[in-house]
Amino acid sequence: MVMDNTDIHCVPNTLMIVGLASMGINYFASRICQDALDPGRFPRWKTFLKPYFGCSIFFTTLMLISVILSYAMKGSLETSLKIGLKNGIRFYKDTDTPGRCFQKQTIDHLQMEFQCCGNNDYKDWFEVQWISNRYLDFSSKEVKDRIKSNVDGRYLIDGVPFSCCNPSSPRPCIQSKITNNTAHYNYDHQTEELNIFIHGCREALVNYYMGLMNTIGAVVLSVFLLQSSVLASVRLLQTALEAVAGQENVEIETEGYLLEKGVKETFMEYVDPVLNLLLLNQVTPSETKPEAGTTTTS
C-alpha cells in the first residue's frame, strides 16, 4: 500500500526462487557425492551431470545478480515509497471508500511502528485534508472560513494524526495548531523539540529496507560462495571418476579438473543440454504430405 511500483518486488521474489532452487541443487549434490563412494552407482548420474551443472551455474549467477540489483535499486525504492506514501496520505481520510478503507489503519500503524510522520516530514500533513467531511461541523464559522480560504475548498490545518505523537515525550501531545505558539502554554514550534515524530516515513522505510539488505546480502553472498565451492567440488569429483571408468582397478589415483576446454566452450557445453531439456516438449513440424491429386511416377 505504500509502494507505487510493484516491479520492485521482482528482486525479493527472485531471491526466494533462487533460494528454493539452491535447496534442490544441494540435495542432488549430496546424492551425487554419496553415490560417488560406489563406482558402480556413479555412472547413472553421467547423463544428468551436464544439465545439473548448467542449472546450477544459472541459479548461482542469478543469485549474485539479485544481490547486486538489491543495492542498485535503492533509487527506485525511494521513488516508489515517495509516490506510495504521498497517495497514502492523500487517501487517509477515505475510510468509507472501497479499496481505501484500510488506508488510514495502514498509515497509522506505519507511523507508530517506525516512529515517523508524513512522507518527508510532519509538514506533509499540512498540505492535505486528512479529516473526512463526515467529521466536520459545517455550521462552525472556523470550518467555513478554512474551507473558503482554500482555492480547492479543502479543510487544511496545521495538525497531524494521533499516530504522529511521540509517546516518549513528557508533555501531552500537541497535534493541532502546531505552528501557533499562542495556542499552547510555554511553547515555540521553531525552537522547542516537538513532541511528535519529526522524521519522514520515507527515510525511515529506506533505512529499514537497506538495513535488511545489508543482512540478507551478507547471507546470500555467503550462500553464493558456498554454492560455488559445492559446484567446484562436484565438478572435480565428476572428472576424477570419469578417469576411473573402464579401469579394472577402481582404487587408482586420478586427477580432477574444472575446465577441460576454454571458458566459452565449456559454458556452451553445459548450457546446451539445459536448452535442449527446455525444448523437449516442442512439437516438431511433421513432414509435408503430398498434395491431393498428385501422382507418383515409378
Protein backbone atom coordinates (compact mmCIF):
# COMPACT_ATOMS: atom_id res chain seq x y z
CA MET A 1 0.00 0.00 0.00
CA VAL A 2 2.94 2.36 0.48
CA MET A 3 4.81 1.31 -2.67
CA ASP A 4 3.77 2.67 -6.04
CA ASN A 5 5.94 0.47 -8.26
CA THR A 6 5.21 -3.25 -7.98
CA ASP A 7 8.10 -4.10 -10.34
CA ILE A 8 10.49 -3.54 -7.45
CA HIS A 9 9.15 -6.75 -5.89
CA CYS A 10 10.94 -8.79 -8.57
CA VAL A 11 14.22 -8.71 -6.61
CA PRO A 12 12.95 -10.34 -3.37
CA ASN A 13 10.82 -12.75 -5.42
CA THR A 14 13.90 -13.75 -7.41
CA LEU A 15 15.88 -14.29 -4.21
CA MET A 16 13.16 -16.60 -2.87
CA ILE A 17 13.07 -18.59 -6.12
CA VAL A 18 16.86 -18.88 -6.18
CA GLY A 19 16.85 -19.94 -2.53
CA LEU A 20 14.38 -22.76 -3.22
CA ALA A 21 16.37 -23.80 -6.30
CA SER A 22 19.57 -23.87 -4.23
CA MET A 23 17.97 -26.31 -1.82
CA GLY A 24 17.20 -28.67 -4.71
CA ILE A 25 20.67 -28.22 -6.22
CA ASN A 26 22.40 -29.01 -2.92
CA TYR A 27 20.15 -32.03 -2.40
CA PHE A 28 21.22 -33.53 -5.72
CA ALA A 29 24.84 -32.62 -4.98
CA SER A 30 24.66 -34.63 -1.76
CA ARG A 31 23.18 -37.61 -3.63
CA ILE A 32 25.93 -37.42 -6.27
CA CYS A 33 28.65 -37.32 -3.61
CA GLN A 34 27.06 -40.23 -1.77
CA ASP A 35 26.85 -42.40 -4.91
CA ALA A 36 30.41 -41.42 -5.83
CA LEU A 37 31.61 -43.63 -2.97
CA ASP A 38 30.49 -46.62 -5.05
CA PRO A 39 31.98 -46.58 -8.58
CA GLY A 40 29.21 -48.92 -9.68
CA ARG A 41 26.44 -46.46 -8.79
CA PHE A 42 28.03 -43.29 -10.11
CA PRO A 43 27.62 -43.99 -13.88
CA ARG A 44 23.84 -43.49 -13.65
CA TRP A 45 24.46 -39.80 -12.97
CA LYS A 46 26.63 -39.23 -16.04
CA THR A 47 23.78 -38.18 -18.35
CA PHE A 48 22.34 -35.97 -15.62
CA LEU A 49 25.51 -34.10 -14.70
CA LYS A 50 25.68 -31.67 -17.62
CA PRO A 51 22.09 -30.36 -17.17
CA TYR A 52 22.76 -30.27 -13.43
CA PHE A 53 25.86 -28.10 -13.84
CA GLY A 54 24.04 -25.87 -16.33
CA CYS A 55 21.12 -25.24 -13.94
CA SER A 56 23.48 -24.79 -11.00
CA ILE A 57 25.61 -22.20 -12.80
CA PHE A 58 22.46 -20.37 -13.95
CA PHE A 59 20.87 -20.11 -10.49
CA THR A 60 24.18 -19.33 -8.78
CA THR A 61 24.79 -16.47 -11.21
CA LEU A 62 21.20 -15.29 -10.78
CA MET A 63 21.75 -15.22 -7.03
CA LEU A 64 24.73 -12.90 -7.38
CA ILE A 65 22.87 -10.65 -9.85
CA SER A 66 19.90 -10.39 -7.45
CA VAL A 67 22.14 -9.20 -4.63
CA ILE A 68 23.73 -6.58 -6.87
CA LEU A 69 20.30 -5.39 -8.06
CA SER A 70 19.11 -5.12 -4.46
CA TYR A 71 21.64 -2.36 -3.80
CA ALA A 72 21.39 -0.83 -7.28
CA MET A 73 17.61 -0.33 -6.94
CA LYS A 74 17.84 1.92 -3.89
CA GLY A 75 16.89 4.93 -6.02
CA SER A 76 13.85 3.11 -7.43
CA LEU A 77 12.88 2.11 -3.89
CA GLU A 78 12.95 5.73 -2.70
CA THR A 79 10.89 6.90 -5.69
CA SER A 80 8.35 4.13 -5.20
CA LEU A 81 7.99 4.91 -1.49
CA LYS A 82 7.73 8.65 -2.18
CA ILE A 83 4.78 8.23 -4.54
CA GLY A 84 3.16 5.47 -2.47
CA LEU A 85 3.32 7.44 0.79
CA LYS A 86 2.07 10.58 -0.94
CA ASN A 87 -1.00 8.71 -2.16
CA GLY A 88 -1.44 7.04 1.22
CA ILE A 89 -1.54 10.41 2.99
CA ARG A 90 -3.90 11.83 0.36
CA PHE A 91 -6.36 8.95 0.77
CA TYR A 92 -6.02 8.80 4.57
CA LYS A 93 -9.49 10.26 5.13
CA ASP A 94 -11.30 7.95 2.66
CA THR A 95 -12.29 5.34 5.24
CA ASP A 96 -15.67 4.81 3.55
CA THR A 97 -14.30 4.44 0.01
CA PRO A 98 -13.99 0.87 -1.34
CA GLY A 99 -10.35 -0.06 -1.82
CA ARG A 100 -9.14 2.66 0.56
CA CYS A 101 -10.98 1.79 3.76
CA PHE A 102 -7.83 0.34 5.37
CA GLN A 103 -5.53 3.14 4.21
CA LYS A 104 -5.89 5.08 7.48
CA GLN A 105 -5.16 1.99 9.56
CA THR A 106 -2.09 1.18 7.46
CA ILE A 107 -0.64 4.70 7.69
CA ASP A 108 -1.30 4.92 11.44
CA HIS A 109 0.41 1.58 12.11
CA LEU A 110 3.29 2.59 9.87
CA GLN A 111 3.90 5.90 11.67
CA MET A 112 3.70 4.34 15.12
CA GLU A 113 5.88 1.33 14.30
CA PHE A 114 8.63 3.27 12.51
CA GLN A 115 8.26 6.41 14.67
CA CYS A 116 7.86 8.69 11.67
CA CYS A 117 5.38 11.27 10.45
CA GLY A 118 4.40 12.16 6.90
CA ASN A 119 6.34 11.49 3.73
CA ASN A 120 9.31 13.86 4.02
CA ASP A 121 8.34 15.20 7.46
CA TYR A 122 5.29 16.09 9.57
CA LYS A 123 4.53 19.20 7.46
CA ASP A 124 3.24 16.98 4.66
CA TRP A 125 0.02 16.63 6.64
CA PHE A 126 -0.49 20.41 6.45
CA GLU A 127 -0.90 20.18 2.66
CA VAL A 128 -3.74 17.63 2.53
CA GLN A 129 -7.19 17.35 4.03
CA TRP A 130 -6.79 14.28 6.19
CA ILE A 131 -10.03 14.74 8.15
CA SER A 132 -13.12 13.38 6.38
CA ASN A 133 -16.04 15.74 5.71
CA ARG A 134 -18.20 13.37 7.75
CA TYR A 135 -16.49 14.61 10.90
CA LEU A 136 -16.54 18.33 10.10
CA ASP A 137 -19.17 20.66 11.55
CA PHE A 138 -20.05 22.82 8.56
CA SER A 139 -22.15 25.07 10.77
CA SER A 140 -18.97 26.18 12.54
CA LYS A 141 -17.56 29.52 11.43
CA GLU A 142 -13.99 28.27 11.79
CA VAL A 143 -14.63 25.33 9.47
CA LYS A 144 -16.35 27.55 6.90
CA ASP A 145 -13.56 30.11 6.96
CA ARG A 146 -10.87 27.48 6.48
CA ILE A 147 -12.67 25.90 3.55
CA LYS A 148 -13.32 29.29 1.91
CA SER A 149 -9.69 30.34 2.37
CA ASN A 150 -8.55 27.39 0.27
CA VAL A 151 -8.76 27.54 -3.52
CA ASP A 152 -9.69 23.86 -3.82
CA GLY A 153 -12.22 24.07 -0.98
CA ARG A 154 -10.27 21.72 1.27
CA TYR A 155 -10.11 21.80 5.04
CA LEU A 156 -6.40 22.28 5.73
CA ILE A 157 -5.00 22.62 9.24
CA ASP A 158 -1.56 22.73 10.80
CA GLY A 159 -2.17 19.45 12.57
CA VAL A 160 -1.21 15.79 12.30
CA PRO A 161 -2.93 12.46 13.10
CA PHE A 162 -2.57 10.94 16.55
CA SER A 163 -0.15 8.34 15.21
CA CYS A 164 2.49 11.07 14.83
CA CYS A 165 2.58 11.65 18.59
CA ASN A 166 5.78 10.66 20.34
CA PRO A 167 4.90 8.64 23.47
CA SER A 168 8.39 9.27 24.88
CA SER A 169 7.70 12.98 25.24
CA PRO A 170 6.85 14.07 28.81
CA ARG A 171 4.45 16.74 27.51
CA PRO A 172 0.93 15.86 26.35
CA CYS A 173 0.88 15.55 22.59
CA ILE A 174 0.36 18.76 20.63
CA GLN A 175 -1.06 17.51 17.35
CA SER A 176 -3.17 20.52 16.35
CA LYS A 177 -2.23 24.17 15.83
CA ILE A 178 1.37 23.06 15.77
CA THR A 179 2.67 26.30 14.25
CA ASN A 180 0.59 28.55 16.55
CA ASN A 181 2.76 29.42 19.54
CA THR A 182 -0.02 31.36 21.29
CA ALA A 183 -2.35 28.36 21.28
CA HIS A 184 -0.16 26.48 23.76
CA TYR A 185 1.49 27.46 27.02
CA ASN A 186 5.27 27.80 27.06
CA TYR A 187 5.58 26.61 23.50
CA ASP A 188 7.67 27.59 20.48
CA HIS A 189 7.46 25.28 17.48
CA GLN A 190 10.62 26.71 15.92
CA THR A 191 12.95 26.25 18.87
CA GLU A 192 11.44 23.56 21.06
CA GLU A 193 11.80 19.92 20.18
CA LEU A 194 8.31 18.90 19.16
CA ASN A 195 6.60 16.02 20.90
CA ILE A 196 5.67 14.46 17.57
CA PHE A 197 7.84 12.40 15.27
CA ILE A 198 9.76 14.82 13.08
CA HIS A 199 11.36 12.37 10.65
CA GLY A 200 9.54 11.33 7.48
CA CYS A 201 8.40 7.78 6.87
CA ARG A 202 10.18 7.54 3.52
CA GLU A 203 13.56 8.00 5.19
CA ALA A 204 12.64 5.55 7.95
CA LEU A 205 11.48 2.87 5.49
CA VAL A 206 14.52 3.25 3.22
CA ASN A 207 16.84 2.88 6.22
CA TYR A 208 14.85 -0.16 7.37
CA TYR A 209 14.93 -1.88 3.98
CA MET A 210 18.60 -1.13 3.40
CA GLY A 211 19.39 -2.50 6.86
CA LEU A 212 17.60 -5.69 5.88
CA MET A 213 19.50 -5.81 2.61
CA ASN A 214 22.83 -5.47 4.41
CA THR A 215 21.97 -8.53 6.48
CA ILE A 216 20.39 -10.52 3.65
CA GLY A 217 23.15 -9.50 1.26
CA ALA A 218 25.83 -10.90 3.58
CA VAL A 219 23.88 -14.15 3.98
CA VAL A 220 23.24 -14.52 0.24
CA LEU A 221 26.88 -13.76 -0.53
CA SER A 222 27.92 -16.49 1.90
CA VAL A 223 25.48 -18.90 0.25
CA PHE A 224 26.86 -17.89 -3.15
CA LEU A 225 30.41 -18.71 -2.07
CA LEU A 226 29.24 -21.99 -0.54
CA GLN A 227 27.27 -22.84 -3.68
CA SER A 228 30.30 -22.09 -5.85
CA SER A 229 32.51 -24.34 -3.71
CA VAL A 230 29.93 -27.14 -3.96
CA LEU A 231 29.85 -26.81 -7.75
CA ALA A 232 33.64 -26.85 -7.95
CA SER A 233 33.84 -29.90 -5.68
CA VAL A 234 31.23 -31.84 -7.65
CA ARG A 235 32.97 -30.93 -10.90
CA LEU A 236 36.33 -32.19 -9.59
CA LEU A 237 34.61 -35.35 -8.37
CA GLN A 238 32.95 -35.90 -11.74
CA THR A 239 36.12 -35.54 -13.80
CA ALA A 240 38.12 -37.70 -11.38
CA LEU A 241 35.56 -40.53 -11.54
CA GLU A 242 35.31 -40.32 -15.31
CA ALA A 243 39.01 -41.17 -15.43
CA VAL A 244 38.28 -44.33 -13.45
CA ALA A 245 35.64 -45.52 -15.93
CA GLY A 246 36.80 -48.61 -17.80
CA GLN A 247 39.67 -49.30 -15.41
CA GLU A 248 39.90 -52.67 -13.73
CA ASN A 249 41.37 -51.19 -10.58
CA VAL A 250 38.85 -48.62 -9.36
CA GLU A 251 41.07 -47.61 -6.45
CA ILE A 252 43.75 -45.96 -8.57
CA GLU A 253 44.51 -42.29 -8.02
CA THR A 254 43.12 -39.88 -10.63
CA GLU A 255 43.20 -36.13 -11.02
CA GLY A 256 40.15 -33.97 -11.49
CA TYR A 257 39.90 -30.64 -13.27
CA LEU A 258 37.42 -27.80 -13.57
CA LEU A 259 37.69 -26.87 -17.24
CA GLU A 260 38.68 -29.32 -19.94
CA LYS A 261 38.41 -26.67 -22.68
CA GLY A 262 38.18 -22.89 -22.80
CA VAL A 263 35.68 -20.96 -20.70
CA LYS A 264 33.32 -20.24 -23.63
CA GLU A 265 33.38 -23.80 -24.97
CA THR A 266 32.80 -25.26 -21.52
CA PHE A 267 29.96 -22.80 -20.84
CA MET A 268 28.13 -23.76 -24.05
CA GLU A 269 28.75 -27.44 -23.35
CA TYR A 270 26.69 -27.22 -20.17
CA VAL A 271 24.13 -24.68 -21.33
CA ASP A 272 23.11 -26.59 -24.47
CA PRO A 273 21.73 -29.60 -22.52
CA VAL A 274 19.61 -27.24 -20.43
CA LEU A 275 18.22 -25.58 -23.55
CA ASN A 276 17.52 -28.97 -25.09
CA LEU A 277 15.79 -30.03 -21.89
CA LEU A 278 13.52 -26.98 -22.08
CA LEU A 279 12.70 -27.71 -25.73
CA LEU A 280 11.77 -31.37 -25.23
CA ASN A 281 8.06 -30.64 -25.38
CA GLN A 282 8.33 -28.54 -28.51
CA VAL A 283 6.25 -30.05 -31.30
CA THR A 284 8.37 -30.82 -34.33
CA PRO A 285 6.70 -29.98 -37.64
CA SER A 286 5.53 -33.09 -39.48
CA GLU A 287 6.83 -33.81 -42.90
CA THR A 288 4.86 -32.18 -45.69
CA LYS A 289 2.38 -34.62 -47.12
CA PRO A 290 1.91 -34.83 -50.92
CA GLU A 291 -0.95 -32.69 -52.11
CA ALA A 292 -4.21 -34.36 -53.08
CA GLY A 293 -4.48 -35.20 -56.75
CA THR A 294 -0.73 -35.61 -57.35
CA THR A 295 0.56 -38.90 -58.68
CA THR A 296 3.88 -40.55 -58.19
CA THR A 297 5.84 -41.93 -61.06
CA SER A 298 7.75 -45.14 -60.84
